[in-house]
C-alpha atoms as a PDB file:
ATOM      1  CA  MET A   1      -4.631 -20.600  13.910  1.00  0.00           C
ATOM      2  CA  THR A   2      -7.027 -17.811  13.346  1.00  0.00           C
ATOM      3  CA  ILE A   3      -7.261 -14.290  15.204  1.00  0.00           C
ATOM      4  CA  VAL A   4     -10.418 -12.391  14.677  1.00  0.00           C
ATOM      5  CA  ALA A   5     -10.017  -8.512  14.739  1.00  0.00           C
ATOM      6  CA  PRO A   6      -6.392  -8.589  15.016  1.00  0.00           C
ATOM      7  CA  VAL A   7      -4.517  -5.810  16.636  1.00  0.00           C
ATOM      8  CA  VAL A   8      -0.910  -4.693  17.532  1.00  0.00           C
ATOM      9  CA  ASN A   9       0.614  -6.794  20.274  1.00  0.00           C
ATOM     10  CA  ASP A  10      -1.723  -9.742  19.966  1.00  0.00           C
ATOM     11  CA  ASN A  11       0.267 -12.527  21.528  1.00  0.00           C
ATOM     12  CA  VAL A  12      -1.608 -15.865  21.021  1.00  0.00           C
ATOM     13  CA  THR A  13      -0.567 -19.379  21.567  1.00  0.00           C
ATOM     14  CA  MET A  14      -0.669 -21.735  18.705  1.00  0.00           C
ATOM     15  CA  PHE A  15       0.141 -25.117  20.208  1.00  0.00           C
ATOM     16  CA  TYR A  16       2.503 -27.197  22.291  1.00  0.00           C
ATOM     17  CA  ALA A  17       4.969 -29.473  20.516  1.00  0.00           C
ATOM     18  CA  THR A  18       5.307 -32.730  22.464  1.00  0.00           C
ATOM     19  CA  ASP A  19       7.832 -34.018  19.825  1.00  0.00           C
ATOM     20  CA  ALA A  20      10.501 -32.125  17.978  1.00  0.00           C
ATOM     21  CA  VAL A  21       9.417 -30.905  14.559  1.00  0.00           C
ATOM     22  CA  THR A  22      10.690 -28.950  11.391  1.00  0.00           C
ATOM     23  CA  ILE A  23       8.849 -26.204   9.894  1.00  0.00           C
ATOM     24  CA  THR A  24       8.752 -26.631   6.046  1.00  0.00           C
ATOM     25  CA  GLU A  25       6.182 -23.839   5.458  1.00  0.00           C
ATOM     26  CA  CYS A  26       4.667 -20.932   7.223  1.00  0.00           C
ATOM     27  CA  ARG A  27       1.635 -19.348   5.325  1.00  0.00           C
ATOM     28  CA  ALA A  28      -0.510 -16.464   6.274  1.00  0.00           C
ATOM     29  CA  VAL A  29      -3.560 -15.084   4.751  1.00  0.00           C
ATOM     30  CA  LEU A  30      -5.985 -12.175   5.733  1.00  0.00           C
ATOM     31  CA  TYR A  31      -9.849 -12.338   5.131  1.00  0.00           C
ATOM     32  CA  GLY A  32     -11.930  -9.490   4.445  1.00  0.00           C
ATOM     33  CA  GLY A  33     -10.829  -5.830   5.045  1.00  0.00           C
ATOM     34  CA  ALA A  34     -10.290  -2.728   3.080  1.00  0.00           C
ATOM     35  CA  SER A  35      -7.654  -0.034   2.657  1.00  0.00           C
ATOM     36  CA  THR A  36      -4.935  -2.557   1.674  1.00  0.00           C
ATOM     37  CA  PRO A  37      -4.876  -4.695   4.948  1.00  0.00           C
ATOM     38  CA  THR A  38      -1.495  -5.714   6.324  1.00  0.00           C
ATOM     39  CA  VAL A  39      -0.251  -7.634   9.210  1.00  0.00           C
ATOM     40  CA  THR A  40       3.357  -8.059  10.318  1.00  0.00           C
ATOM     41  CA  TYR A  41       3.987 -11.127  12.749  1.00  0.00           C
ATOM     42  CA  SER A  42       6.627 -13.415  14.178  1.00  0.00           C
ATOM     43  CA  ILE A  43       6.534 -16.953  15.300  1.00  0.00           C
ATOM     44  CA  ILE A  44       8.133 -17.691  18.561  1.00  0.00           C
ATOM     45  CA  THR A  45       8.935 -20.879  20.624  1.00  0.00           C
ATOM     46  CA  GLY A  46       9.804 -21.429  24.064  1.00  0.00           C
ATOM     47  CA  SER A  47      10.049 -23.995  26.872  1.00  0.00           C
ATOM     48  CA  SER A  48       7.515 -22.161  28.829  1.00  0.00           C
ATOM     49  CA  ARG A  49       4.846 -19.864  27.547  1.00  0.00           C
ATOM     50  CA  GLY A  50       6.682 -16.880  29.098  1.00  0.00           C
ATOM     51  CA  THR A  51      10.176 -17.571  27.914  1.00  0.00           C
ATOM     52  CA  GLU A  52      11.051 -16.693  24.454  1.00  0.00           C
ATOM     53  CA  THR A  53      13.773 -19.140  23.458  1.00  0.00           C
ATOM     54  CA  THR A  54      13.655 -19.019  19.615  1.00  0.00           C
ATOM     55  CA  THR A  55      12.280 -16.696  16.931  1.00  0.00           C
ATOM     56  CA  ASN A  56      11.593 -18.998  14.199  1.00  0.00           C
ATOM     57  CA  ILE A  57       9.944 -16.524  11.826  1.00  0.00           C
ATOM     58  CA  SER A  58      10.694 -12.793  12.351  1.00  0.00           C
ATOM     59  CA  GLY A  59       8.921  -9.892  10.962  1.00  0.00           C
ATOM     60  CA  ALA A  60       6.821 -11.655   8.263  1.00  0.00           C
ATOM     61  CA  VAL A  61       4.441  -9.416   6.323  1.00  0.00           C
ATOM     62  CA  VAL A  62       1.110 -10.619   4.862  1.00  0.00           C
ATOM     63  CA  THR A  63      -1.217  -8.533   2.565  1.00  0.00           C
ATOM     64  CA  ASN A  64      -2.652 -11.318   0.582  1.00  0.00           C
ATOM     65  CA  ILE A  65      -6.527 -11.847   0.888  1.00  0.00           C
ATOM     66  CA  THR A  66      -6.746 -14.683  -1.486  1.00  0.00           C
ATOM     67  CA  THR A  67      -4.125 -17.453  -1.495  1.00  0.00           C
ATOM     68  CA  GLY A  68      -1.883 -16.194   1.397  1.00  0.00           C
ATOM     69  CA  THR A  69       1.879 -15.486   1.598  1.00  0.00           C
ATOM     70  CA  ALA A  70       4.649 -17.679   2.648  1.00  0.00           C
ATOM     71  CA  ALA A  71       7.063 -16.486   5.134  1.00  0.00           C
ATOM     72  CA  SER A  72      10.763 -16.835   5.319  1.00  0.00           C
ATOM     73  CA  ILE A  73      11.688 -19.226   7.960  1.00  0.00           C
ATOM     74  CA  GLY A  74      14.781 -18.256  10.001  1.00  0.00           C
ATOM     75  CA  THR A  75      14.936 -21.334  12.256  1.00  0.00           C
ATOM     76  CA  ALA A  76      12.947 -24.193  11.155  1.00  0.00           C
ATOM     77  CA  ALA A  77      13.522 -26.552  14.170  1.00  0.00           C
ATOM     78  CA  ILE A  78      10.979 -26.544  16.974  1.00  0.00           C
ATOM     79  CA  ALA A  79      12.208 -28.490  19.995  1.00  0.00           C
ATOM     80  CA  ALA A  80      10.149 -31.145  21.844  1.00  0.00           C
ATOM     81  CA  GLY A  81       8.518 -29.533  24.922  1.00  0.00           C
ATOM     82  CA  SER A  82       8.104 -26.239  23.338  1.00  0.00           C
ATOM     83  CA  PHE A  83       5.119 -23.744  23.211  1.00  0.00           C
ATOM     84  CA  VAL A  84       4.555 -22.103  19.895  1.00  0.00           C
ATOM     85  CA  TRP A  85       2.969 -18.649  19.460  1.00  0.00           C
ATOM     86  CA  VAL A  86       2.403 -15.811  17.203  1.00  0.00           C
ATOM     87  CA  LYS A  87       2.941 -12.306  17.984  1.00  0.00           C
ATOM     88  CA  LEU A  88       1.580  -9.462  15.850  1.00  0.00           C
ATOM     89  CA  THR A  89       4.006  -6.382  15.604  1.00  0.00           C
ATOM     90  CA  ALA A  90       1.967  -4.313  13.057  1.00  0.00           C
ATOM     91  CA  VAL A  91      -1.598  -4.079  11.849  1.00  0.00           C
ATOM     92  CA  GLY A  92      -2.631  -1.694   8.898  1.00  0.00           C
ATOM     93  CA  GLY A  93      -5.871  -0.972   7.374  1.00  0.00           C
ATOM     94  CA  THR A  94      -8.968  -2.824   8.319  1.00  0.00           C
ATOM     95  CA  VAL A  95      -8.121  -6.556   9.032  1.00  0.00           C
ATOM     96  CA  PRO A  96     -11.195  -8.625  10.130  1.00  0.00           C
ATOM     97  CA  GLU A  97      -9.287 -11.930  10.221  1.00  0.00           C
ATOM     98  CA  PHE A  98      -5.723 -13.056  10.222  1.00  0.00           C
ATOM     99  CA  HIS A  99      -4.835 -16.632   9.773  1.00  0.00           C
ATOM    100  CA  VAL A 100      -1.360 -18.296   9.854  1.00  0.00           C
ATOM    101  CA  SER A 101      -0.563 -22.053   9.371  1.00  0.00           C
ATOM    102  CA  LEU A 102       2.556 -24.082   9.953  1.00  0.00           C
ATOM    103  CA  HIS A 103       3.360 -27.130   7.936  1.00  0.00           C
ATOM    104  CA  PHE A 104       5.906 -29.888   8.981  1.00  0.00           C
END
C-alpha cells in the first residue's frame, strides 16, 4: 500500500481480511526525498473501520530509501472480518512516497 506525499495523521485503509491471517513480516520503504526522510506509523485492525480493536504494529519507524525496514510485530493475528489500516504519527524531512507491505 502506497501513500503519495504522506503527512502526519494520514489514516488509510489497506484491505479487509475475509479470513483470519497471521502477519509474518511488515516492511516499509520510502521513495525519494531529501533531508533524511522518516515516517513513523502503526498498523491497526478493527471489526469496523471506525473501531480500533488491535494495534498490530505500533510506532514503527522507517528511514530507508532502498531496501526498506522490517517492523516489530506486536500482535501478529488479524481476525477474520477485520479492516486493516495504517496510521502515520510522524513525518520528517521531504517524503514523496511511503510504502508498507504486510506478508502472511
